[in-house]
C-alpha atoms as a PDB file:
ATOM      1  CA  MET A   1      10.211 -17.604 -88.062  1.00  0.00           C
ATOM      2  CA  GLU A   2       6.695 -16.350 -88.849  1.00  0.00           C
ATOM      3  CA  PRO A   3       6.454 -12.906 -90.475  1.00  0.00           C
ATOM      4  CA  GLN A   4       5.158 -10.207 -88.177  1.00  0.00           C
ATOM      5  CA  GLU A   5       1.698  -8.821 -88.845  1.00  0.00           C
ATOM      6  CA  GLN A   6       1.776  -5.540 -90.683  1.00  0.00           C
ATOM      7  CA  PRO A   7       0.546  -2.671 -88.475  1.00  0.00           C
ATOM      8  CA  GLN A   8      -2.861  -1.256 -89.316  1.00  0.00           C
ATOM      9  CA  ALA A   9      -1.548   2.251 -89.919  1.00  0.00           C
ATOM     10  CA  SER A  10       0.512   0.997 -92.867  1.00  0.00           C
ATOM     11  CA  LEU A  11      -2.684   0.030 -94.679  1.00  0.00           C
ATOM     12  CA  HIS A  12      -3.333   3.710 -95.395  1.00  0.00           C
ATOM     13  CA  ARG A  13      -1.561   6.192 -97.564  1.00  0.00           C
ATOM     14  CA  THR A  14      -1.049   9.758 -96.414  1.00  0.00           C
ATOM     15  CA  ILE A  15      -3.494  12.469 -97.337  1.00  0.00           C
ATOM     16  CA  GLY A  16      -2.620  14.864-100.154  1.00  0.00           C
ATOM     17  CA  PRO A  17      -0.798  18.172 -99.557  1.00  0.00           C
ATOM     18  CA  ARG A  18      -3.946  20.325 -99.695  1.00  0.00           C
ATOM     19  CA  GLY A  19      -5.826  17.914 -97.470  1.00  0.00           C
ATOM     20  CA  GLN A  20      -2.974  17.909 -94.953  1.00  0.00           C
ATOM     21  CA  ARG A  21      -3.091  21.691 -94.768  1.00  0.00           C
ATOM     22  CA  PHE A  22      -6.878  21.660 -94.360  1.00  0.00           C
ATOM     23  CA  VAL A  23      -6.839  19.150 -91.483  1.00  0.00           C
ATOM     24  CA  ALA A  24      -3.831  20.822 -89.818  1.00  0.00           C
ATOM     25  CA  LYS A  25      -5.511  24.234 -89.973  1.00  0.00           C
ATOM     26  CA  LEU A  26      -8.679  22.869 -88.360  1.00  0.00           C
ATOM     27  CA  VAL A  27      -6.718  21.226 -85.546  1.00  0.00           C
ATOM     28  CA  ARG A  28      -4.722  24.405 -84.904  1.00  0.00           C
ATOM     29  CA  LYS A  29      -7.923  26.459 -84.599  1.00  0.00           C
ATOM     30  CA  PRO A  30     -10.136  24.786 -81.950  1.00  0.00           C
ATOM     31  CA  TYR A  31     -12.884  27.391 -82.272  1.00  0.00           C
ATOM     32  CA  LEU A  32     -13.106  26.860 -86.025  1.00  0.00           C
ATOM     33  CA  PHE A  33     -12.982  23.090 -85.585  1.00  0.00           C
ATOM     34  CA  ARG A  34     -15.946  23.168 -83.220  1.00  0.00           C
ATOM     35  CA  ARG A  35     -17.921  25.547 -85.411  1.00  0.00           C
ATOM     36  CA  ILE A  36     -17.512  23.259 -88.395  1.00  0.00           C
ATOM     37  CA  THR A  37     -17.890  19.819 -86.767  1.00  0.00           C
ATOM     38  CA  THR A  38     -19.743  20.641 -83.463  1.00  0.00           C
ATOM     39  CA  PHE A  39     -16.975  18.665 -81.687  1.00  0.00           C
ATOM     40  CA  THR A  40     -13.908  19.905 -79.890  1.00  0.00           C
ATOM     41  CA  VAL A  41     -10.551  18.609 -81.081  1.00  0.00           C
ATOM     42  CA  GLU A  42     -10.256  16.543 -77.893  1.00  0.00           C
ATOM     43  CA  GLU A  43     -13.714  15.007 -78.394  1.00  0.00           C
ATOM     44  CA  TRP A  44     -12.889  14.115 -81.997  1.00  0.00           C
ATOM     45  CA  ARG A  45      -9.669  12.404 -80.942  1.00  0.00           C
ATOM     46  CA  ASP A  46     -11.411  10.633 -78.063  1.00  0.00           C
ATOM     47  CA  LEU A  47     -14.201   9.403 -80.346  1.00  0.00           C
ATOM     48  CA  ALA A  48     -11.658   8.119 -82.872  1.00  0.00           C
ATOM     49  CA  LYS A  49      -9.753   6.350 -80.101  1.00  0.00           C
ATOM     50  CA  ARG A  50     -12.902   4.659 -78.785  1.00  0.00           C
ATOM     51  CA  ILE A  51     -14.128   3.250 -82.075  1.00  0.00           C
ATOM     52  CA  ALA A  52     -10.755   2.572 -83.751  1.00  0.00           C
ATOM     53  CA  PRO A  53     -10.570  -1.020 -82.384  1.00  0.00           C
ATOM     54  CA  GLU A  54     -13.943  -1.836 -83.926  1.00  0.00           C
ATOM     55  CA  TRP A  55     -12.833  -0.222 -87.188  1.00  0.00           C
ATOM     56  CA  ASN A  56      -9.637  -2.268 -87.271  1.00  0.00           C
ATOM     57  CA  ARG A  57     -11.562  -5.473 -86.559  1.00  0.00           C
ATOM     58  CA  ARG A  58     -14.058  -4.839 -89.350  1.00  0.00           C
ATOM     59  CA  GLU A  59     -11.352  -3.855 -91.791  1.00  0.00           C
ATOM     60  CA  ARG A  60      -9.433  -7.038 -91.005  1.00  0.00           C
ATOM     61  CA  GLU A  61     -12.572  -9.094 -91.580  1.00  0.00           C
ATOM     62  CA  ARG A  62     -13.298  -7.281 -94.837  1.00  0.00           C
ATOM     63  CA  LEU A  63      -9.791  -7.853 -96.130  1.00  0.00           C
ATOM     64  CA  THR A  64      -9.610 -11.521 -95.142  1.00  0.00           C
ATOM     65  CA  GLU A  65     -13.100 -12.642 -96.199  1.00  0.00           C
ATOM     66  CA  ARG A  66     -12.076 -13.047 -99.819  1.00  0.00           C
ATOM     67  CA  THR A  67     -10.772 -16.525-100.599  1.00  0.00           C
ATOM     68  CA  ASP A  68      -9.465 -15.662-104.056  1.00  0.00           C
ATOM     69  CA  ARG A  69      -6.971 -13.005-102.964  1.00  0.00           C
ATOM     70  CA  ILE A  70      -3.814 -12.691-105.025  1.00  0.00           C
ATOM     71  CA  ARG A  71      -2.174  -9.817-103.176  1.00  0.00           C
ATOM     72  CA  ALA A  72      -1.296  -9.943 -99.511  1.00  0.00           C
ATOM     73  CA  ILE A  73      -3.365  -8.027 -96.973  1.00  0.00           C
ATOM     74  CA  GLY A  74      -2.164  -4.446 -96.886  1.00  0.00           C
ATOM     75  CA  GLN A  75      -1.510  -4.212-100.604  1.00  0.00           C
ATOM     76  CA  GLY A  76      -3.875  -2.901-103.222  1.00  0.00           C
ATOM     77  CA  ARG A  77      -6.059   0.173-103.092  1.00  0.00           C
ATOM     78  CA  LYS A  78      -5.430   2.439-100.077  1.00  0.00           C
ATOM     79  CA  TYR A  79      -7.439   5.010 -98.156  1.00  0.00           C
ATOM     80  CA  GLU A  80      -6.016   8.201 -99.587  1.00  0.00           C
ATOM     81  CA  ILE A  81      -7.706  10.303 -96.906  1.00  0.00           C
ATOM     82  CA  GLY A  82      -5.239   8.947 -94.382  1.00  0.00           C
ATOM     83  CA  PRO A  83      -5.494   7.140 -91.019  1.00  0.00           C
ATOM     84  CA  PHE A  84      -8.763   6.444 -89.253  1.00  0.00           C
ATOM     85  CA  PRO A  85      -9.116   9.842 -87.471  1.00  0.00           C
ATOM     86  CA  ASN A  86      -9.088  11.503 -90.900  1.00  0.00           C
ATOM     87  CA  LEU A  87     -11.717   9.054 -92.146  1.00  0.00           C
ATOM     88  CA  LEU A  88     -13.857   9.921 -89.125  1.00  0.00           C
ATOM     89  CA  LEU A  89     -13.368  13.628 -89.768  1.00  0.00           C
ATOM     90  CA  ALA A  90     -14.497  13.191 -93.375  1.00  0.00           C
ATOM     91  CA  THR A  91     -17.646  11.425 -92.109  1.00  0.00           C
ATOM     92  CA  LEU A  92     -18.331  14.213 -89.599  1.00  0.00           C
ATOM     93  CA  LEU A  93     -17.989  16.788 -92.376  1.00  0.00           C
ATOM     94  CA  TYR A  94     -20.378  14.739 -94.514  1.00  0.00           C
ATOM     95  CA  LEU A  95     -23.015  14.716 -91.739  1.00  0.00           C
ATOM     96  CA  ARG A  96     -22.437  18.309 -90.642  1.00  0.00           C
ATOM     97  CA  THR A  97     -22.722  19.861 -94.106  1.00  0.00           C
ATOM     98  CA  THR A  98     -24.767  19.398 -97.251  1.00  0.00           C
ATOM     99  CA  MET A  99     -21.702  19.333 -99.496  1.00  0.00           C
ATOM    100  CA  GLY A 100     -21.501  16.618-102.095  1.00  0.00           C
ATOM    101  CA  TYR A 101     -18.730  14.063-102.259  1.00  0.00           C
ATOM    102  CA  ALA A 102     -16.963  15.987-105.017  1.00  0.00           C
ATOM    103  CA  LEU A 103     -16.712  19.164-102.935  1.00  0.00           C
ATOM    104  CA  LEU A 104     -15.630  17.253 -99.833  1.00  0.00           C
ATOM    105  CA  GLY A 105     -12.995  15.553-101.948  1.00  0.00           C
ATOM    106  CA  LEU A 106     -11.778  18.953-103.120  1.00  0.00           C
ATOM    107  CA  LEU A 107     -11.301  20.055 -99.496  1.00  0.00           C
ATOM    108  CA  LEU A 108      -9.431  16.873 -98.607  1.00  0.00           C
ATOM    109  CA  ASP A 109      -7.421  16.764-101.837  1.00  0.00           C
ATOM    110  CA  VAL A 110      -8.859  13.410-102.926  1.00  0.00           C
ATOM    111  CA  ASP A 111     -11.388  12.159-105.420  1.00  0.00           C
ATOM    112  CA  GLY A 112     -15.072  12.380-104.499  1.00  0.00           C
ATOM    113  CA  GLU A 113     -15.450   8.619-104.849  1.00  0.00           C
ATOM    114  CA  THR A 114     -12.731   8.182-102.230  1.00  0.00           C
ATOM    115  CA  VAL A 115     -14.781  10.218 -99.760  1.00  0.00           C
ATOM    116  CA  ARG A 116     -17.931   8.234-100.595  1.00  0.00           C
ATOM    117  CA  ARG A 117     -16.130   4.953 -99.982  1.00  0.00           C
ATOM    118  CA  ALA A 118     -14.759   6.141 -96.629  1.00  0.00           C
ATOM    119  CA  VAL A 119     -18.104   7.524 -95.429  1.00  0.00           C
ATOM    120  CA  SER A 120     -19.968   4.352 -96.413  1.00  0.00           C
ATOM    121  CA  ARG A 121     -17.626   2.277 -94.224  1.00  0.00           C
ATOM    122  CA  VAL A 122     -17.331   4.603 -91.224  1.00  0.00           C
ATOM    123  CA  LEU A 123     -21.042   5.472 -90.994  1.00  0.00           C
ATOM    124  CA  PRO A 124     -22.104   1.972 -89.787  1.00  0.00           C
ATOM    125  CA  LEU A 125     -19.784   2.379 -86.780  1.00  0.00           C
ATOM    126  CA  LEU A 126     -21.869   5.353 -85.619  1.00  0.00           C
ATOM    127  CA  GLU A 127     -25.367   3.972 -86.192  1.00  0.00           C
ATOM    128  CA  ASP A 128     -26.019   2.255 -82.867  1.00  0.00           C
ATOM    129  CA  ARG A 129     -23.165   2.943 -80.524  1.00  0.00           C
ATOM    130  CA  PHE A 130     -24.157   5.505 -77.890  1.00  0.00           C
ATOM    131  CA  ILE A 131     -27.865   4.728 -77.535  1.00  0.00           C
ATOM    132  CA  PRO A 132     -28.391   3.091 -74.114  1.00  0.00           C
ATOM    133  CA  LYS A 133     -29.691  -0.442 -73.830  1.00  0.00           C
ATOM    134  CA  THR A 134     -33.315  -0.046 -72.688  1.00  0.00           C
ATOM    135  CA  ASP A 135     -36.679  -1.703 -73.224  1.00  0.00           C
ATOM    136  CA  LEU A 136     -36.867   0.096 -76.575  1.00  0.00           C
ATOM    137  CA  THR A 137     -33.514  -1.141 -77.896  1.00  0.00           C
ATOM    138  CA  LYS A 138     -32.632  -4.295 -75.944  1.00  0.00           C
ATOM    139  CA  ARG A 139     -33.307  -6.578 -78.927  1.00  0.00           C
ATOM    140  CA  LYS A 140     -31.447  -4.401 -81.389  1.00  0.00           C
ATOM    141  CA  ARG A 141     -28.016  -5.437 -82.579  1.00  0.00           C
ATOM    142  CA  ARG A 142     -25.326  -3.139 -81.241  1.00  0.00           C
ATOM    143  CA  SER A 143     -21.916  -2.557 -82.721  1.00  0.00           C
ATOM    144  CA  ASN A 144     -20.233  -2.306 -79.326  1.00  0.00           C
ATOM    145  CA  SER A 145     -22.222  -3.538 -76.330  1.00  0.00           C
ATOM    146  CA  ILE A 146     -19.315  -3.151 -73.877  1.00  0.00           C
ATOM    147  CA  ASP A 147     -18.560   0.509 -74.481  1.00  0.00           C
ATOM    148  CA  ASP A 148     -17.567   2.019 -71.153  1.00  0.00           C
ATOM    149  CA  LEU A 149     -19.739   5.079 -71.795  1.00  0.00           C
ATOM    150  CA  LEU A 150     -22.867   2.941 -71.498  1.00  0.00           C
ATOM    151  CA  THR A 151     -21.993   0.232 -68.983  1.00  0.00           C
ATOM    152  CA  ASP A 152     -24.019   1.956 -66.262  1.00  0.00           C
ATOM    153  CA  PHE A 153     -27.330   3.369 -67.460  1.00  0.00           C
ATOM    154  CA  PRO A 154     -29.983   2.890 -64.734  1.00  0.00           C
ATOM    155  CA  GLY A 155     -33.563   2.036 -65.641  1.00  0.00           C
ATOM    156  CA  LEU A 156     -35.767   4.581 -67.324  1.00  0.00           C
ATOM    157  CA  GLU A 157     -37.943   6.857 -65.219  1.00  0.00           C
ATOM    158  CA  GLU A 158     -39.592   8.829 -68.012  1.00  0.00           C
ATOM    159  CA  VAL A 159     -39.661   8.947 -71.808  1.00  0.00           C
ATOM    160  CA  ILE A 160     -40.696  11.904 -73.952  1.00  0.00           C
ATOM    161  CA  PHE A 161     -41.858  11.221 -77.494  1.00  0.00           C
ATOM    162  CA  ASP A 162     -42.034  13.584 -80.448  1.00  0.00           C
ATOM    163  CA  GLY A 163     -42.087  13.425 -84.204  1.00  0.00           C
ATOM    164  CA  THR A 164     -39.754  15.447 -86.379  1.00  0.00           C
ATOM    165  CA  GLU A 165     -39.948  16.210 -90.087  1.00  0.00           C
ATOM    166  CA  VAL A 166     -37.220  17.062 -92.542  1.00  0.00           C
ATOM    167  CA  PRO A 167     -37.839  18.373 -96.068  1.00  0.00           C
ATOM    168  CA  VAL A 168     -36.993  16.199 -99.048  1.00  0.00           C
ATOM    169  CA  GLN A 169     -36.931  16.699-102.765  1.00  0.00           C
ATOM    170  CA  ARG A 170     -40.239  16.060-104.478  1.00  0.00           C
ATOM    171  CA  PRO A 171     -40.402  12.338-105.263  1.00  0.00           C
ATOM    172  CA  LYS A 172     -41.156  11.181-108.769  1.00  0.00           C
ATOM    173  CA  ARG A 173     -43.792   8.710-107.579  1.00  0.00           C
ATOM    174  CA  ARG A 174     -46.313   8.602-104.727  1.00  0.00           C
ATOM    175  CA  GLN A 175     -46.001  12.297-104.097  1.00  0.00           C
ATOM    176  CA  ARG A 176     -49.184  12.491-102.014  1.00  0.00           C
ATOM    177  CA  ARG A 177     -47.791  10.051 -99.431  1.00  0.00           C
ATOM    178  CA  ALA A 178     -44.735  12.244 -98.936  1.00  0.00           C
ATOM    179  CA  TYR A 179     -46.627  15.552 -98.742  1.00  0.00           C
ATOM    180  CA  SER A 180     -46.978  16.988 -95.240  1.00  0.00           C
ATOM    181  CA  GLY A 181     -50.035  19.157 -94.711  1.00  0.00           C
ATOM    182  CA  LYS A 182     -48.355  20.633 -91.635  1.00  0.00           C
ATOM    183  CA  LYS A 183     -45.170  21.728 -93.394  1.00  0.00           C
ATOM    184  CA  LYS A 184     -46.843  22.336 -96.782  1.00  0.00           C
ATOM    185  CA  ARG A 185     -44.091  20.489 -98.587  1.00  0.00           C
ATOM    186  CA  HIS A 186     -42.715  16.992 -99.146  1.00  0.00           C
ATOM    187  CA  THR A 187     -41.037  15.588 -96.044  1.00  0.00           C
ATOM    188  CA  VAL A 188     -39.999  12.446 -94.221  1.00  0.00           C
ATOM    189  CA  LYS A 189     -40.916  11.967 -90.583  1.00  0.00           C
ATOM    190  CA  ALA A 190     -39.224  10.088 -87.749  1.00  0.00           C
ATOM    191  CA  GLN A 191     -40.177   9.470 -84.142  1.00  0.00           C
ATOM    192  CA  ILE A 192     -37.637  10.456 -81.491  1.00  0.00           C
ATOM    193  CA  ALA A 193     -37.800   9.070 -77.943  1.00  0.00           C
ATOM    194  CA  ILE A 194     -35.645  10.594 -75.226  1.00  0.00           C
ATOM    195  CA  GLY A 195     -35.389   9.132 -71.743  1.00  0.00           C
ATOM    196  CA  ARG A 196     -33.932   9.927 -68.364  1.00  0.00           C
ATOM    197  CA  GLY A 197     -32.504   7.206 -66.150  1.00  0.00           C
ATOM    198  CA  LYS A 198     -32.194   7.195 -62.389  1.00  0.00           C
ATOM    199  CA  GLY A 199     -29.725   9.763 -61.113  1.00  0.00           C
ATOM    200  CA  ARG A 200     -29.191  11.404 -64.529  1.00  0.00           C
ATOM    201  CA  LYS A 201     -29.773  15.107 -64.981  1.00  0.00           C
ATOM    202  CA  ARG A 202     -29.702  15.092 -68.777  1.00  0.00           C
ATOM    203  CA  HIS A 203     -31.898  13.135 -71.147  1.00  0.00           C
ATOM    204  CA  LEU A 204     -30.487  10.799 -73.787  1.00  0.00           C
ATOM    205  CA  ILE A 205     -31.982   9.650 -77.051  1.00  0.00           C
ATOM    206  CA  VAL A 206     -33.182   6.099 -76.484  1.00  0.00           C
ATOM    207  CA  GLY A 207     -35.010   5.466 -79.757  1.00  0.00           C
ATOM    208  CA  VAL A 208     -35.131   6.655 -83.364  1.00  0.00           C
ATOM    209  CA  SER A 209     -37.762   5.180 -85.657  1.00  0.00           C
ATOM    210  CA  PRO A 210     -37.192   4.446 -89.353  1.00  0.00           C
ATOM    211  CA  PRO A 211     -38.170   7.441 -91.521  1.00  0.00           C
ATOM    212  CA  ALA A 212     -41.661   7.384 -93.006  1.00  0.00           C
ATOM    213  CA  PRO A 213     -43.413   9.530 -95.650  1.00  0.00           C
ATOM    214  CA  GLY A 214     -44.444  12.921 -94.305  1.00  0.00           C
ATOM    215  CA  ALA A 215     -48.213  12.372 -94.589  1.00  0.00           C
ATOM    216  CA  ILE A 216     -48.241   9.943 -91.655  1.00  0.00           C
ATOM    217  CA  HIS A 217     -49.464  11.224 -88.287  1.00  0.00           C
ATOM    218  CA  ASP A 218     -47.398  11.042 -85.101  1.00  0.00           C
ATOM    219  CA  LYS A 219     -49.647   8.564 -83.299  1.00  0.00           C
ATOM    220  CA  PRO A 220     -49.904   5.942 -86.102  1.00  0.00           C
ATOM    221  CA  GLN A 221     -46.162   6.091 -86.664  1.00  0.00           C
ATOM    222  CA  LEU A 222     -45.509   5.570 -82.945  1.00  0.00           C
ATOM    223  CA  GLU A 223     -47.912   2.618 -82.894  1.00  0.00           C
ATOM    224  CA  ARG A 224     -45.927   1.018 -85.720  1.00  0.00           C
ATOM    225  CA  THR A 225     -42.792   1.069 -83.593  1.00  0.00           C
ATOM    226  CA  GLY A 226     -44.465  -0.734 -80.685  1.00  0.00           C
ATOM    227  CA  TRP A 227     -42.494   1.371 -78.223  1.00  0.00           C
ATOM    228  CA  ASP A 228     -45.473   2.011 -75.931  1.00  0.00           C
ATOM    229  CA  ARG A 229     -46.039  -1.736 -75.495  1.00  0.00           C
ATOM    230  CA  LYS A 230     -42.360  -2.427 -74.815  1.00  0.00           C
ATOM    231  CA  LEU A 231     -42.034   0.091 -72.004  1.00  0.00           C
ATOM    232  CA  SER A 232     -42.781  -0.895 -68.431  1.00  0.00           C
ATOM    233  CA  PRO A 233     -46.043   0.516 -66.992  1.00  0.00           C
ATOM    234  CA  ASP A 234     -43.929   2.279 -64.345  1.00  0.00           C
ATOM    235  CA  VAL A 235     -42.245   4.503 -66.962  1.00  0.00           C
ATOM    236  CA  LEU A 236     -43.818   7.951 -67.260  1.00  0.00           C
ATOM    237  CA  ARG A 237     -44.699   8.839 -70.864  1.00  0.00           C
ATOM    238  CA  ARG A 238     -44.971  12.384 -72.164  1.00  0.00           C
ATOM    239  CA  GLY A 239     -46.024  13.800 -75.520  1.00  0.00           C
ATOM    240  CA  ASP A 240     -47.804  16.632 -77.282  1.00  0.00           C
ATOM    241  CA  LEU A 241     -51.312  16.824 -78.754  1.00  0.00           C
ATOM    242  CA  GLY A 242     -50.235  14.617 -81.648  1.00  0.00           C
ATOM    243  CA  TYR A 243     -50.564  11.617 -79.293  1.00  0.00           C
ATOM    244  CA  GLN A 244     -54.142  12.237 -78.151  1.00  0.00           C
ATOM    245  CA  GLY A 245     -55.779   8.991 -77.120  1.00  0.00           C
ATOM    246  CA  MET A 246     -52.665   7.256 -75.765  1.00  0.00           C
ATOM    247  CA  PRO A 247     -53.762   5.796 -72.406  1.00  0.00           C
ATOM    248  CA  GLY A 248     -51.818   6.741 -69.306  1.00  0.00           C
ATOM    249  CA  TRP A 249     -49.746   9.464 -70.995  1.00  0.00           C
ATOM    250  CA  VAL A 250     -49.118  12.953 -69.654  1.00  0.00           C
ATOM    251  CA  LEU A 251     -50.572  15.133 -72.415  1.00  0.00           C
ATOM    252  CA  PRO A 252     -51.619  18.797 -72.555  1.00  0.00           C
ATOM    253  CA  HIS A 253     -55.272  19.731 -72.504  1.00  0.00           C
ATOM    254  CA  LYS A 254     -56.798  20.307 -75.919  1.00  0.00           C
ATOM    255  CA  LYS A 255     -59.001  23.337 -76.378  1.00  0.00           C
ATOM    256  CA  PRO A 256     -62.575  22.189 -77.090  1.00  0.00           C
ATOM    257  CA  ARG A 257     -64.105  23.195 -80.386  1.00  0.00           C
ATOM    258  CA  GLY A 258     -65.747  26.556 -79.982  1.00  0.00           C
ATOM    259  CA  GLY A 259     -64.648  26.788 -76.352  1.00  0.00           C
ATOM    260  CA  VAL A 260     -61.711  27.885 -74.247  1.00  0.00           C
ATOM    261  CA  LEU A 261     -59.458  26.273 -71.667  1.00  0.00           C
ATOM    262  CA  THR A 262     -59.946  27.094 -68.025  1.00  0.00           C
ATOM    263  CA  THR A 263     -57.295  28.977 -66.092  1.00  0.00           C
ATOM    264  CA  ALA A 264     -56.303  25.800 -64.264  1.00  0.00           C
ATOM    265  CA  GLN A 265     -55.940  23.905 -67.541  1.00  0.00           C
ATOM    266  CA  ARG A 266     -53.752  26.640 -69.041  1.00  0.00           C
ATOM    267  CA  ARG A 267     -51.502  26.591 -65.977  1.00  0.00           C
ATOM    268  CA  GLU A 268     -51.214  22.813 -66.166  1.00  0.00           C
ATOM    269  CA  ASN A 269     -50.366  23.033 -69.873  1.00  0.00           C
ATOM    270  CA  LYS A 270     -47.515  25.387 -69.018  1.00  0.00           C
ATOM    271  CA  ARG A 271     -46.160  22.959 -66.444  1.00  0.00           C
ATOM    272  CA  ILE A 272     -46.388  20.119 -68.960  1.00  0.00           C
ATOM    273  CA  SER A 273     -44.667  22.206 -71.647  1.00  0.00           C
ATOM    274  CA  ARG A 274     -41.733  22.976 -69.344  1.00  0.00           C
ATOM    275  CA  LYS A 275     -41.135  19.248 -68.937  1.00  0.00           C
ATOM    276  CA  ARG A 276     -41.687  18.386 -72.596  1.00  0.00           C
ATOM    277  CA  ILE A 277     -39.601  21.161 -74.167  1.00  0.00           C
ATOM    278  CA  ILE A 278     -36.412  19.149 -73.582  1.00  0.00           C
ATOM    279  CA  VAL A 279     -37.327  16.919 -76.518  1.00  0.00           C
ATOM    280  CA  GLU A 280     -37.301  19.947 -78.847  1.00  0.00           C
ATOM    281  CA  HIS A 281     -33.826  20.918 -77.639  1.00  0.00           C
ATOM    282  CA  THR A 282     -32.646  17.341 -78.135  1.00  0.00           C
ATOM    283  CA  ILE A 283     -34.004  17.206 -81.680  1.00  0.00           C
ATOM    284  CA  ARG A 284     -32.072  20.391 -82.345  1.00  0.00           C
ATOM    285  CA  THR A 285     -28.814  18.654 -81.330  1.00  0.00           C
ATOM    286  CA  VAL A 286     -29.578  16.024 -83.978  1.00  0.00           C
ATOM    287  CA  LYS A 287     -30.532  18.481 -86.708  1.00  0.00           C
ATOM    288  CA  VAL A 288     -27.330  20.494 -86.347  1.00  0.00           C
ATOM    289  CA  PHE A 289     -26.018  17.735 -88.598  1.00  0.00           C
ATOM    290  CA  ARG A 290     -27.374  19.400 -91.695  1.00  0.00           C
ATOM    291  CA  ARG A 291     -27.260  16.290 -93.823  1.00  0.00           C
ATOM    292  CA  ILE A 292     -30.571  15.366 -92.188  1.00  0.00           C
ATOM    293  CA  GLY A 293     -31.477  18.802 -90.780  1.00  0.00           C
ATOM    294  CA  GLU A 294     -31.929  20.700 -94.028  1.00  0.00           C
ATOM    295  CA  LEU A 295     -33.218  19.647 -97.438  1.00  0.00           C
ATOM    296  CA  VAL A 296     -32.446  15.937 -97.590  1.00  0.00           C
ATOM    297  CA  THR A 297     -31.022  14.759-100.901  1.00  0.00           C
ATOM    298  CA  ILE A 298     -30.450  11.149 -99.819  1.00  0.00           C
ATOM    299  CA  LYS A 299     -32.671   8.929-101.944  1.00  0.00           C
ATOM    300  CA  ALA A 300     -32.296   5.500-100.344  1.00  0.00           C
ATOM    301  CA  ASN A 301     -34.257   4.970 -97.129  1.00  0.00           C
ATOM    302  CA  GLY A 302     -31.497   2.790 -95.725  1.00  0.00           C
ATOM    303  CA  ARG A 303     -28.863   5.483 -96.156  1.00  0.00           C
ATOM    304  CA  LEU A 304     -31.192   8.149 -94.737  1.00  0.00           C
ATOM    305  CA  SER A 305     -31.928   5.987 -91.700  1.00  0.00           C
ATOM    306  CA  ALA A 306     -28.183   5.381 -91.214  1.00  0.00           C
ATOM    307  CA  ALA A 307     -27.448   9.127 -91.311  1.00  0.00           C
ATOM    308  CA  LEU A 308     -30.288   9.832 -88.856  1.00  0.00           C
ATOM    309  CA  LEU A 309     -29.080   7.177 -86.412  1.00  0.00           C
ATOM    310  CA  ALA A 310     -25.488   8.368 -86.702  1.00  0.00           C
ATOM    311  CA  ALA A 311     -26.532  11.952 -85.920  1.00  0.00           C
ATOM    312  CA  ALA A 312     -28.548  10.778 -82.894  1.00  0.00           C
ATOM    313  CA  ASN A 313     -25.661   8.700 -81.561  1.00  0.00           C
ATOM    314  CA  LEU A 314     -23.202  11.555 -81.989  1.00  0.00           C
ATOM    315  CA  ALA A 315     -25.600  13.847 -80.118  1.00  0.00           C
ATOM    316  CA  ASN A 316     -25.716  11.301 -77.277  1.00  0.00           C
ATOM    317  CA  TYR A 317     -21.929  11.025 -77.271  1.00  0.00           C
ATOM    318  CA  LYS A 318     -21.573  14.775 -76.720  1.00  0.00           C
ATOM    319  CA  VAL A 319     -24.057  14.691 -73.836  1.00  0.00           C
ATOM    320  CA  LEU A 320     -22.293  11.764 -72.171  1.00  0.00           C
ATOM    321  CA  VAL A 321     -18.816  13.250 -72.509  1.00  0.00           C
ATOM    322  CA  ARG A 322     -19.800  16.759 -71.478  1.00  0.00           C
ATOM    323  CA  GLN A 323     -21.597  15.585 -68.343  1.00  0.00           C
ATOM    324  CA  GLY A 324     -18.559  13.612 -67.259  1.00  0.00           C
ATOM    325  CA  ALA A 325     -19.415  10.080 -68.346  1.00  0.00           C
END
């Protein structure tokens, strides 16, 4: 008789006493849970339930890929934070706050390195999960292309582009490249594209560019992505004055040097601004994750890009769930 496969839950050890009290207190206080994580308790549990199968599959692959194993799968070093929902909660706390791994470990009653290890393995699950498959992302590898939240996203009708900057610590080298004359400090900049499909009332983030040094202008950075060429000519494109010169875009009128705008131009600019302001609100939903919304201390571009994509996907998840998807 073949031995039965050990259940996945047994691969993890329970969280420490202080960590158990911390998690239990958050769950018992929904208002506090939402203030800290931006998610309701139900949304956190639903998110964990949706991505747990992918987590289990990747963990099984990670544990079986070694050919020189001595111990059986399930033995060896455990996740002291606990089962997968706790690992996800630790990752949400990492993105939502600017606390270091040591302080997060103190809250969860584990070592800081344990939190770092958990976050580094959960974060890839959130990088490209709730961004719809469009002309901007159709060639991008997705971690779960059959997620029921995204099975029905009609074609794009309009896309609004905007650049966003986040402050970073002064780099040791190439400081001029990272210095933003607009913000008067060292920053990194990313392009955000939000789109609205047919029949949808709310916009979703459909593209996030890799971060670039803060000295780059919005238009050159957008041209590097190639997004404008990928979109169908039928898709309406909107932007601010940072994209002057883009053909076929809906852009506000720029005041001529030494002159003034006409009354009709000012009225049209107001109408354009009412349509474009949604991108600013959407960027705010990404920057509530303070890991990339405040002073960024992440040094590696790959890790910074992963945190930015994870924040964008979590923002999309909240929009989809709260509008009944």
